[in-house]
Amino acid sequence: MTGGRLLFPDHDHYWFETLRVLGHTGYGGADVGEVLTAAADITAGDPNSWHHAWSAMAERVAATARNSQAAGHPVSARDSWLRASTYHRISDFYLHADPDDPRVEHAHRQTTACFASHAALVEHPMTPVRIPFEGVELTGWFSQAHRGRGPRPLLVLHNGFDGPAEEMHYLGGLAGAQRAFHTLTFDGPGQPSALRDHRLTFRPDWETVVSPILDHILHTHGEDIDQTRIALLGVNLGGMLAPRAAAHDPRIRALICVDGVYDASSTLADLLGTDREGLGRLAADPAAEAQLAAAADSPVLSWVFGHGRYAMGVSSRTALLGQYLRYHLATGWPSSPLPDAGLRSRRRHLLRRRRPRHHPATRADASPDLPSHPHDLHPSRGRRRPRPRRRREAGHDPHPRLARRNPGNYLIHLPVAVTRPDRPDRVRPAGEPPG
């Protein structure tokens, strides 16, 4: 075993994607024994064996679901349909260099069909949504909060470079609903359903995607949603896309980036041993295509170039580099100063490390003078209170309920304060009228 890997010791990417599937076990999206059984039939670096093993496991689990449902065992059927959806989803992961491969279409259709069969059997309502968008429809899932009365807060979640809305069920969708949030997951341009059904490829102006989605869900479920408590969560490349959407739409009051991505091209630059400027030179040089093809001997680069050209809608590797350079947070923000909403940071940083818990500054009437510690304000009333005095013995955690800090995650609170157009030197609370 190399580097602590249980499987695929000589292939980082196959191990990473297998570990990704194992991560879904916490919310019922996979079974450890089934994952290990499928992995045993995979030859590292062979996309065909990868597809065959996962597809076979998906069909086996789907057959169990059908038999359970026919025998009147809805719980067993529900759980099996969910796992079958996961295994179908992962089966075509390494086939996207040829998006016309019929196995890609089959895997996508079975992923969504199995998930729909699961959703039809869950105890709490989970309904498909179809969202009008530029002449077509984006698809997703709306899950009602599992508890609580009256309007509930809404958590909107989307994936990143390669994952579907169905995967977000395990990455916050179900957890949010269990914690009294309504949750909405969706596929935007470049993501599986939009890409397969409508050939919509990625676009960096994600605000043009999220705002129509909020319009739709507030129109169809507005009475059930607390419209002052809407959060947006983006995963992977979504950690770069979501901040743009939140900055442009004042209805989004909290933003969670898992992880916070400032410049998507930096990862590709590292893989190619260059920097952003070097990527720009390669993108502008047609002769670099052969050089990039040779570099694609790397398993990770081979997958990035294969899936990336498909998801970004380009035909060459150099064109893909050019597309990657568009995905960053240096530009694309609303003009400043803003009359109604704005970004807020204690030291005016764009992205700030998240606090262990949601800070009271998410409230619209919060003071711009944030306290230095989250426990300085009462979480429900925003009033200053003394810190409890507790003994700090060796190994004692004075705040055991606080989540441990994850330096890879970032949180932006929007809107907390904005700059007055006539007094750019003064930051005013968002609740104070302009002028």
Protein backbone atom coordinates (compact mmCIF):
# COMPACT_ATOMS: atom_id res chain seq x y z
CA MET A 1 0.00 0.00 0.00
CA THR A 2 1.41 3.40 -1.03
CA GLY A 3 0.68 6.71 0.71
CA GLY A 4 -2.11 5.22 2.84
CA ARG A 5 -4.19 4.19 -0.19
CA LEU A 6 -6.35 1.12 0.26
CA LEU A 7 -6.79 0.65 -3.50
CA PHE A 8 -4.96 1.56 -6.71
CA PRO A 9 -1.61 2.27 -5.00
CA ASP A 10 0.01 3.29 -8.30
CA HIS A 11 -2.81 5.42 -9.68
CA ASP A 12 -3.70 8.58 -7.77
CA HIS A 13 -6.69 9.53 -9.88
CA TYR A 14 -8.45 6.14 -9.73
CA TRP A 15 -7.95 6.07 -5.98
CA PHE A 16 -9.26 9.63 -5.61
CA GLU A 17 -12.45 8.90 -7.54
CA THR A 18 -12.99 5.66 -5.63
CA LEU A 19 -12.53 7.56 -2.38
CA ARG A 20 -15.07 10.07 -3.65
CA VAL A 21 -17.63 7.27 -3.98
CA LEU A 22 -16.77 5.93 -0.53
CA GLY A 23 -17.47 9.40 0.82
CA HIS A 24 -21.11 8.99 -0.16
CA THR A 25 -21.66 6.13 2.26
CA GLY A 26 -22.52 8.55 5.08
CA TYR A 27 -25.80 9.48 3.41
CA GLY A 28 -26.57 6.13 1.82
CA GLY A 29 -25.07 6.82 -1.60
CA ALA A 30 -22.73 3.85 -1.57
CA ASP A 31 -21.92 0.68 0.33
CA VAL A 32 -18.34 -0.11 1.32
CA GLY A 33 -18.60 -3.77 0.35
CA GLU A 34 -20.08 -2.92 -3.06
CA VAL A 35 -17.36 -0.34 -3.71
CA LEU A 36 -14.59 -2.79 -2.82
CA THR A 37 -16.18 -5.47 -5.00
CA ALA A 38 -16.37 -3.15 -8.00
CA ALA A 39 -12.82 -1.87 -7.46
CA ALA A 40 -11.47 -5.42 -7.44
CA ASP A 41 -12.54 -5.80 -11.08
CA ILE A 42 -10.86 -2.58 -12.27
CA THR A 43 -7.47 -2.40 -13.95
CA ALA A 44 -5.84 0.88 -12.96
CA GLY A 45 -5.62 3.23 -15.91
CA ASP A 46 -8.08 1.27 -18.07
CA PRO A 47 -11.27 3.34 -18.65
CA ASN A 48 -13.10 0.36 -20.14
CA SER A 49 -12.56 -1.82 -17.08
CA TRP A 50 -13.59 1.12 -14.88
CA HIS A 51 -16.84 1.48 -16.79
CA HIS A 52 -17.56 -2.23 -16.90
CA ALA A 53 -17.04 -2.75 -13.15
CA TRP A 54 -19.17 0.17 -12.01
CA SER A 55 -21.87 -0.41 -14.60
CA ALA A 56 -22.15 -4.07 -13.59
CA MET A 57 -22.45 -3.12 -9.93
CA ALA A 58 -25.07 -0.49 -10.76
CA GLU A 59 -27.17 -3.00 -12.69
CA ARG A 60 -26.86 -5.55 -9.90
CA VAL A 61 -28.02 -3.04 -7.24
CA ALA A 62 -30.80 -1.73 -9.49
CA ALA A 63 -32.06 -5.31 -9.91
CA THR A 64 -32.16 -5.61 -6.11
CA ALA A 65 -34.17 -2.39 -5.98
CA ARG A 66 -36.69 -3.66 -8.52
CA ASN A 67 -37.08 -6.98 -6.71
CA SER A 68 -37.49 -5.25 -3.34
CA GLN A 69 -40.10 -2.89 -4.72
CA ALA A 70 -42.03 -5.73 -6.34
CA ALA A 71 -41.97 -7.65 -3.07
CA GLY A 72 -43.42 -4.70 -1.15
CA HIS A 73 -40.21 -3.60 0.59
CA PRO A 74 -40.07 0.15 -0.17
CA VAL A 75 -37.24 1.00 2.26
CA SER A 76 -34.88 -1.57 0.76
CA ALA A 77 -35.89 -0.46 -2.73
CA ARG A 78 -35.38 3.21 -1.86
CA ASP A 79 -31.86 2.62 -0.52
CA SER A 80 -30.85 0.41 -3.44
CA TRP A 81 -32.07 2.89 -6.05
CA LEU A 82 -29.88 5.58 -4.48
CA ARG A 83 -26.74 3.44 -4.58
CA ALA A 84 -27.46 2.33 -8.15
CA SER A 85 -27.65 5.99 -9.17
CA THR A 86 -24.19 6.63 -7.69
CA TYR A 87 -22.60 3.66 -9.45
CA HIS A 88 -24.11 4.58 -12.82
CA ARG A 89 -22.87 8.14 -12.37
CA ILE A 90 -19.28 7.13 -11.74
CA SER A 91 -19.22 4.46 -14.47
CA ASP A 92 -18.68 6.86 -17.41
CA PHE A 93 -16.24 9.15 -15.61
CA TYR A 94 -13.27 8.32 -17.85
CA LEU A 95 -15.18 8.12 -21.14
CA HIS A 96 -15.84 11.81 -21.81
CA ALA A 97 -13.01 12.22 -24.30
CA ASP A 98 -15.61 10.79 -26.71
CA PRO A 99 -18.95 12.31 -25.60
CA ASP A 100 -20.73 10.47 -28.42
CA ASP A 101 -19.86 7.11 -26.86
CA PRO A 102 -23.30 5.52 -26.22
CA ARG A 103 -22.10 4.39 -22.80
CA VAL A 104 -21.96 8.03 -21.69
CA GLU A 105 -25.58 8.63 -22.63
CA HIS A 106 -26.69 5.36 -21.02
CA ALA A 107 -24.91 6.14 -17.75
CA HIS A 108 -26.45 9.61 -17.58
CA ARG A 109 -29.98 8.35 -18.24
CA GLN A 110 -29.68 5.57 -15.68
CA THR A 111 -28.20 7.94 -13.08
CA THR A 112 -31.20 10.24 -13.25
CA ALA A 113 -33.76 7.42 -13.59
CA CYS A 114 -32.48 5.54 -10.54
CA PHE A 115 -32.36 8.73 -8.49
CA ALA A 116 -35.95 9.55 -9.52
CA SER A 117 -37.01 6.07 -8.38
CA HIS A 118 -35.32 6.74 -5.05
CA ALA A 119 -36.99 10.14 -4.69
CA ALA A 120 -40.42 8.62 -5.27
CA LEU A 121 -39.98 6.44 -2.17
CA VAL A 122 -38.51 8.88 0.37
CA GLU A 123 -40.51 9.80 3.45
CA HIS A 124 -40.11 13.58 3.07
CA PRO A 125 -41.11 15.24 -0.23
CA MET A 126 -38.36 15.44 -2.83
CA THR A 127 -39.63 16.69 -6.17
CA PRO A 128 -37.98 17.25 -9.56
CA VAL A 129 -37.84 20.83 -10.80
CA ARG A 130 -37.64 22.12 -14.36
CA ILE A 131 -36.39 25.69 -14.55
CA PRO A 132 -36.85 27.83 -17.68
CA PHE A 133 -33.47 29.09 -18.88
CA GLU A 134 -32.68 30.76 -22.21
CA GLY A 135 -35.24 28.76 -24.18
CA VAL A 136 -34.55 25.38 -22.54
CA GLU A 137 -35.06 23.89 -19.08
CA LEU A 138 -32.49 23.23 -16.37
CA THR A 139 -33.27 20.32 -14.06
CA GLY A 140 -32.80 19.74 -10.37
CA TRP A 141 -34.37 18.57 -7.13
CA PHE A 142 -36.27 20.43 -4.41
CA SER A 143 -36.30 18.79 -0.97
CA GLN A 144 -38.59 20.11 1.74
CA ALA A 145 -37.24 20.63 5.23
CA HIS A 146 -37.71 17.55 7.36
CA ARG A 147 -38.86 19.57 10.37
CA GLY A 148 -39.97 23.05 11.38
CA ARG A 149 -43.13 25.04 10.74
CA GLY A 150 -43.72 28.07 8.62
CA PRO A 151 -41.34 29.46 6.00
CA ARG A 152 -37.94 27.79 6.19
CA PRO A 153 -34.54 29.00 4.97
CA LEU A 154 -33.42 27.81 1.53
CA LEU A 155 -30.05 26.26 0.71
CA VAL A 156 -29.28 26.20 -3.02
CA LEU A 157 -26.49 23.80 -4.03
CA HIS A 158 -24.64 23.13 -7.26
CA ASN A 159 -21.72 20.96 -8.22
CA GLY A 160 -18.57 21.88 -10.09
CA PHE A 161 -16.53 20.70 -13.04
CA ASP A 162 -17.77 17.11 -13.37
CA GLY A 163 -20.54 16.23 -10.92
CA PRO A 164 -24.35 16.25 -11.28
CA ALA A 165 -27.14 17.65 -9.14
CA GLU A 166 -27.83 14.14 -7.86
CA GLU A 167 -24.41 13.99 -6.20
CA MET A 168 -25.24 17.15 -4.23
CA HIS A 169 -27.79 15.05 -2.35
CA TYR A 170 -24.81 13.63 -0.42
CA LEU A 171 -22.87 16.92 -0.30
CA GLY A 172 -25.35 19.00 1.66
CA GLY A 173 -28.76 18.45 0.08
CA LEU A 174 -29.96 15.74 2.47
CA ALA A 175 -28.02 17.16 5.43
CA GLY A 176 -29.63 20.56 4.92
CA ALA A 177 -33.14 19.12 4.73
CA GLN A 178 -32.52 17.14 7.92
CA ARG A 179 -31.53 20.39 9.61
CA ALA A 180 -34.75 22.23 8.71
CA PHE A 181 -33.60 23.86 5.47
CA HIS A 182 -35.42 23.53 2.18
CA THR A 183 -32.75 22.52 -0.33
CA LEU A 184 -32.54 22.95 -4.08
CA THR A 185 -29.92 21.22 -6.21
CA PHE A 186 -29.54 21.86 -9.93
CA ASP A 187 -27.39 21.28 -12.99
CA GLY A 188 -26.24 24.47 -14.68
CA PRO A 189 -24.49 24.88 -18.04
CA GLY A 190 -21.54 22.51 -18.37
CA GLN A 191 -22.98 20.12 -15.81
CA PRO A 192 -24.35 16.70 -16.74
CA SER A 193 -28.07 17.20 -17.46
CA ALA A 194 -27.66 20.60 -19.11
CA LEU A 195 -24.70 19.30 -21.09
CA ARG A 196 -26.29 16.04 -22.24
CA ASP A 197 -29.83 17.32 -22.81
CA HIS A 198 -29.15 20.75 -24.31
CA ARG A 199 -25.41 20.92 -25.09
CA LEU A 200 -25.09 23.88 -22.71
CA THR A 201 -21.41 24.27 -21.89
CA PHE A 202 -19.78 26.05 -18.97
CA ARG A 203 -19.88 29.83 -18.69
CA PRO A 204 -18.12 32.01 -16.09
CA ASP A 205 -21.01 34.50 -15.68
CA TRP A 206 -22.78 32.20 -13.22
CA GLU A 207 -25.00 35.03 -12.00
CA THR A 208 -26.98 34.61 -15.24
CA VAL A 209 -27.68 31.03 -14.15
CA VAL A 210 -28.48 31.35 -10.46
CA SER A 211 -30.75 34.39 -10.59
CA PRO A 212 -33.34 32.76 -12.93
CA ILE A 213 -33.24 29.69 -10.71
CA LEU A 214 -34.07 31.78 -7.65
CA ASP A 215 -36.81 33.55 -9.62
CA HIS A 216 -38.37 30.20 -10.45
CA ILE A 217 -38.17 28.56 -7.04
CA LEU A 218 -39.48 31.65 -5.26
CA HIS A 219 -42.36 31.79 -7.73
CA THR A 220 -43.29 28.14 -7.25
CA HIS A 221 -42.47 27.72 -3.52
CA GLY A 222 -42.28 31.30 -2.25
CA GLU A 223 -44.83 30.84 0.53
CA ASP A 224 -42.74 28.03 2.05
CA ILE A 225 -39.38 29.86 1.89
CA ASP A 226 -38.01 32.49 4.24
CA GLN A 227 -36.77 34.83 1.53
CA THR A 228 -34.47 36.68 3.95
CA ARG A 229 -32.48 33.48 4.57
CA ILE A 230 -31.21 32.10 1.28
CA ALA A 231 -27.75 30.55 1.03
CA LEU A 232 -25.77 29.31 -1.96
CA LEU A 233 -23.25 26.47 -1.83
CA GLY A 234 -20.83 25.64 -4.65
CA VAL A 235 -18.47 22.66 -4.81
CA ASN A 236 -15.18 22.30 -6.67
CA LEU A 237 -15.26 24.69 -9.65
CA GLY A 238 -18.56 25.78 -8.13
CA GLY A 239 -16.46 27.41 -5.43
CA MET A 240 -15.38 29.92 -8.07
CA LEU A 241 -18.75 30.21 -9.83
CA ALA A 242 -20.94 30.70 -6.77
CA PRO A 243 -19.28 33.91 -5.49
CA ARG A 244 -20.06 35.71 -8.74
CA ALA A 245 -23.71 34.72 -8.49
CA ALA A 246 -23.91 35.81 -4.85
CA ALA A 247 -22.27 39.16 -5.57
CA HIS A 248 -24.84 39.99 -8.24
CA ASP A 249 -27.99 38.78 -6.46
CA PRO A 250 -28.84 40.47 -3.13
CA ARG A 251 -31.31 37.72 -2.27
CA ILE A 252 -28.36 35.44 -1.46
CA ARG A 253 -27.45 36.18 2.15
CA ALA A 254 -24.74 33.56 2.75
CA LEU A 255 -22.25 31.81 0.50
CA ILE A 256 -20.38 28.56 1.13
CA CYS A 257 -17.52 27.58 -1.18
CA VAL A 258 -16.21 24.01 -0.94
CA ASP A 259 -13.47 24.81 -1.73
CA GLY A 260 -12.88 28.51 -2.31
CA VAL A 261 -11.40 28.74 -5.83
CA TYR A 262 -9.94 32.08 -6.89
CA ASP A 263 -8.41 31.11 -10.23
CA ALA A 264 -9.39 27.79 -11.78
CA SER A 265 -6.48 27.92 -14.20
CA SER A 266 -3.94 27.67 -11.38
CA THR A 267 -4.48 23.91 -10.98
CA LEU A 268 -3.99 23.30 -14.69
CA ALA A 269 -0.93 25.55 -14.69
CA ASP A 270 0.58 23.52 -11.86
CA LEU A 271 -0.04 20.27 -13.73
CA LEU A 272 1.74 21.69 -16.78
CA GLY A 273 4.59 23.17 -14.75
CA THR A 274 3.88 26.76 -15.70
CA ASP A 275 1.91 29.79 -14.47
CA ARG A 276 -1.06 31.80 -15.68
CA GLU A 277 1.04 33.75 -18.17
CA GLY A 278 2.52 30.51 -19.46
CA LEU A 279 -0.96 29.09 -19.99
CA GLY A 280 -1.83 32.19 -21.98
CA ARG A 281 1.17 31.69 -24.26
CA LEU A 282 0.30 28.03 -24.80
CA ALA A 283 -3.33 28.89 -25.55
CA ALA A 284 -2.27 31.41 -28.18
CA ASP A 285 0.20 29.05 -29.91
CA PRO A 286 -1.40 26.54 -32.34
CA ALA A 287 1.85 24.61 -32.38
CA ALA A 288 1.43 23.87 -28.68
CA GLU A 289 -1.33 21.32 -29.42
CA ALA A 290 1.21 18.57 -30.05
CA GLN A 291 3.08 19.48 -26.87
CA LEU A 292 -0.13 19.31 -24.85
CA ALA A 293 -1.09 15.99 -26.44
CA ALA A 294 2.23 14.55 -25.28
CA ALA A 295 1.67 15.93 -21.77
CA ALA A 296 -1.69 14.13 -21.71
CA ASP A 297 0.20 10.92 -20.94
CA SER A 298 -0.41 12.04 -17.37
CA PRO A 299 -3.62 10.32 -16.16
CA VAL A 300 -4.93 13.53 -14.58
CA LEU A 301 -4.16 15.70 -17.61
CA SER A 302 -5.62 13.08 -19.92
CA TRP A 303 -8.89 13.24 -18.00
CA VAL A 304 -8.87 17.04 -17.72
CA PHE A 305 -8.33 17.47 -21.47
CA GLY A 306 -10.94 14.83 -22.30
CA HIS A 307 -13.72 15.98 -20.01
CA GLY A 308 -12.76 19.64 -20.22
CA ARG A 309 -13.14 19.90 -24.00
CA TYR A 310 -16.54 18.27 -23.69
CA ALA A 311 -17.79 20.44 -20.81
CA MET A 312 -16.32 23.69 -22.13
CA GLY A 313 -17.47 23.08 -25.70
CA VAL A 314 -14.08 23.30 -27.44
CA SER A 315 -12.29 20.89 -29.75
CA SER A 316 -8.61 21.49 -29.00
CA ARG A 317 -6.44 21.45 -25.91
CA THR A 318 -5.12 24.95 -26.59
CA ALA A 319 -8.68 26.25 -26.79
CA LEU A 320 -9.40 24.58 -23.45
CA LEU A 321 -6.51 26.48 -21.88
CA GLY A 322 -7.98 29.69 -23.22
CA GLN A 323 -11.33 28.82 -21.65
CA TYR A 324 -9.76 28.00 -18.30
CA LEU A 325 -8.20 31.47 -18.17
CA ARG A 326 -11.70 32.98 -18.06
CA TYR A 327 -12.57 31.30 -14.77
CA HIS A 328 -11.26 33.52 -11.99
CA LEU A 329 -12.50 36.09 -9.49
CA ALA A 330 -10.30 39.02 -10.47
CA THR A 331 -13.12 40.47 -12.56
CA GLY A 332 -16.85 39.98 -13.02
CA TRP A 333 -18.03 41.77 -9.90
CA PRO A 334 -20.77 44.42 -9.84
CA SER A 335 -19.63 48.00 -10.26
CA SER A 336 -18.66 49.65 -7.00
CA PRO A 337 -20.08 51.40 -5.06
CA LEU A 338 -23.30 49.38 -4.85
CA PRO A 339 -26.59 50.99 -3.85
CA ASP A 340 -28.30 47.90 -2.45
CA ALA A 341 -25.82 45.12 -1.74
CA GLY A 342 -22.15 44.49 -1.44
CA LEU A 343 -19.34 42.30 -0.24
CA ARG A 344 -18.29 42.69 3.34
CA SER A 345 -15.17 41.69 5.18
CA ARG A 346 -13.76 42.85 8.46
CA ARG A 347 -10.54 43.75 6.72
CA ARG A 348 -12.19 44.28 3.36
CA HIS A 349 -10.88 41.04 1.94
CA LEU A 350 -12.90 39.48 -0.81
CA LEU A 351 -12.75 35.94 0.58
CA ARG A 352 -12.42 35.44 4.28
CA ARG A 353 -11.82 32.22 6.14
CA ARG A 354 -15.08 30.89 7.46
CA ARG A 355 -15.94 31.11 11.11
CA PRO A 356 -16.69 27.93 13.04
CA ARG A 357 -20.40 28.83 13.03
CA HIS A 358 -22.58 31.18 11.02
CA HIS A 359 -21.77 34.61 12.26
CA PRO A 360 -24.62 36.93 13.32
CA ALA A 361 -23.41 39.35 10.66
CA THR A 362 -25.57 37.49 8.18
CA ARG A 363 -28.42 39.58 9.59
CA ALA A 364 -29.35 42.56 7.43
CA ASP A 365 -29.35 44.86 10.48
CA ALA A 366 -25.96 43.74 11.75
CA SER A 367 -23.37 46.32 12.63
CA PRO A 368 -20.45 46.74 10.24
CA ASP A 369 -18.14 46.58 13.26
CA LEU A 370 -17.87 42.85 13.54
CA PRO A 371 -16.74 41.35 16.85
CA SER A 372 -13.45 39.53 16.96
CA HIS A 373 -15.02 36.30 18.17
CA PRO A 374 -18.28 34.62 17.09
CA HIS A 375 -19.38 34.15 20.71
CA ASP A 376 -19.28 37.91 21.35
CA LEU A 377 -22.77 38.14 19.86
CA HIS A 378 -25.78 36.07 20.76
CA PRO A 379 -26.60 34.05 17.63
CA SER A 380 -30.33 34.75 17.73
CA ARG A 381 -30.52 38.39 18.86
CA GLY A 382 -27.21 39.90 17.81
CA ARG A 383 -26.64 41.36 21.29
CA ARG A 384 -23.26 41.56 22.92
CA ARG A 385 -22.87 39.18 25.81
CA PRO A 386 -19.97 38.30 28.11
CA ARG A 387 -18.02 35.21 27.33
CA PRO A 388 -18.56 32.37 29.80
CA ARG A 389 -15.65 31.81 32.11
CA ARG A 390 -14.50 28.24 31.92
CA ARG A 391 -11.48 26.44 33.18
CA ARG A 392 -8.95 25.85 30.46
CA GLU A 393 -7.26 22.70 31.57
CA ALA A 394 -4.80 20.86 29.39
CA GLY A 395 -6.61 19.36 26.43
CA HIS A 396 -9.91 21.06 27.36
CA ASP A 397 -11.90 22.59 24.52
CA PRO A 398 -13.85 25.60 25.87
CA HIS A 399 -16.21 25.46 22.90
CA PRO A 400 -16.68 21.73 22.11
CA ARG A 401 -19.68 22.37 19.83
CA LEU A 402 -17.72 24.50 17.40
CA ALA A 403 -16.89 22.82 14.12
CA ARG A 404 -13.20 22.53 13.47
CA ARG A 405 -11.85 25.09 11.04
CA ASN A 406 -11.22 23.90 7.50
CA PRO A 407 -8.77 26.28 5.79
CA GLY A 408 -10.02 25.18 2.38
CA ASN A 409 -13.55 26.49 2.89
CA TYR A 410 -14.58 30.11 2.72
CA LEU A 411 -17.71 31.97 3.67
CA ILE A 412 -18.90 35.34 2.39
CA HIS A 413 -21.76 37.08 4.16
CA LEU A 414 -23.95 39.12 1.78
CA PRO A 415 -25.11 41.80 2.13
CA VAL A 416 -23.88 43.17 5.46
CA ALA A 417 -22.68 46.61 4.57
CA VAL A 418 -22.20 48.74 1.50
CA THR A 419 -20.34 51.90 0.61
CA ARG A 420 -22.42 55.06 0.28
CA PRO A 421 -22.09 56.57 -3.21
CA ASP A 422 -21.54 60.05 -1.74
CA ARG A 423 -19.21 58.90 1.05
CA PRO A 424 -16.95 56.11 -0.26
CA ASP A 425 -14.92 56.36 2.93
CA ARG A 426 -17.89 55.35 5.08
CA VAL A 427 -19.32 51.86 5.35
CA ARG A 428 -23.01 51.86 6.30
CA PRO A 429 -25.20 49.00 7.55
CA ALA A 430 -27.28 47.41 4.79
CA GLY A 431 -30.49 48.32 6.59
CA GLU A 432 -29.71 52.05 6.45
CA PRO A 433 -31.20 53.84 3.43
CA PRO A 434 -28.83 55.49 0.94
CA GLY A 435 -28.15 59.19 1.13
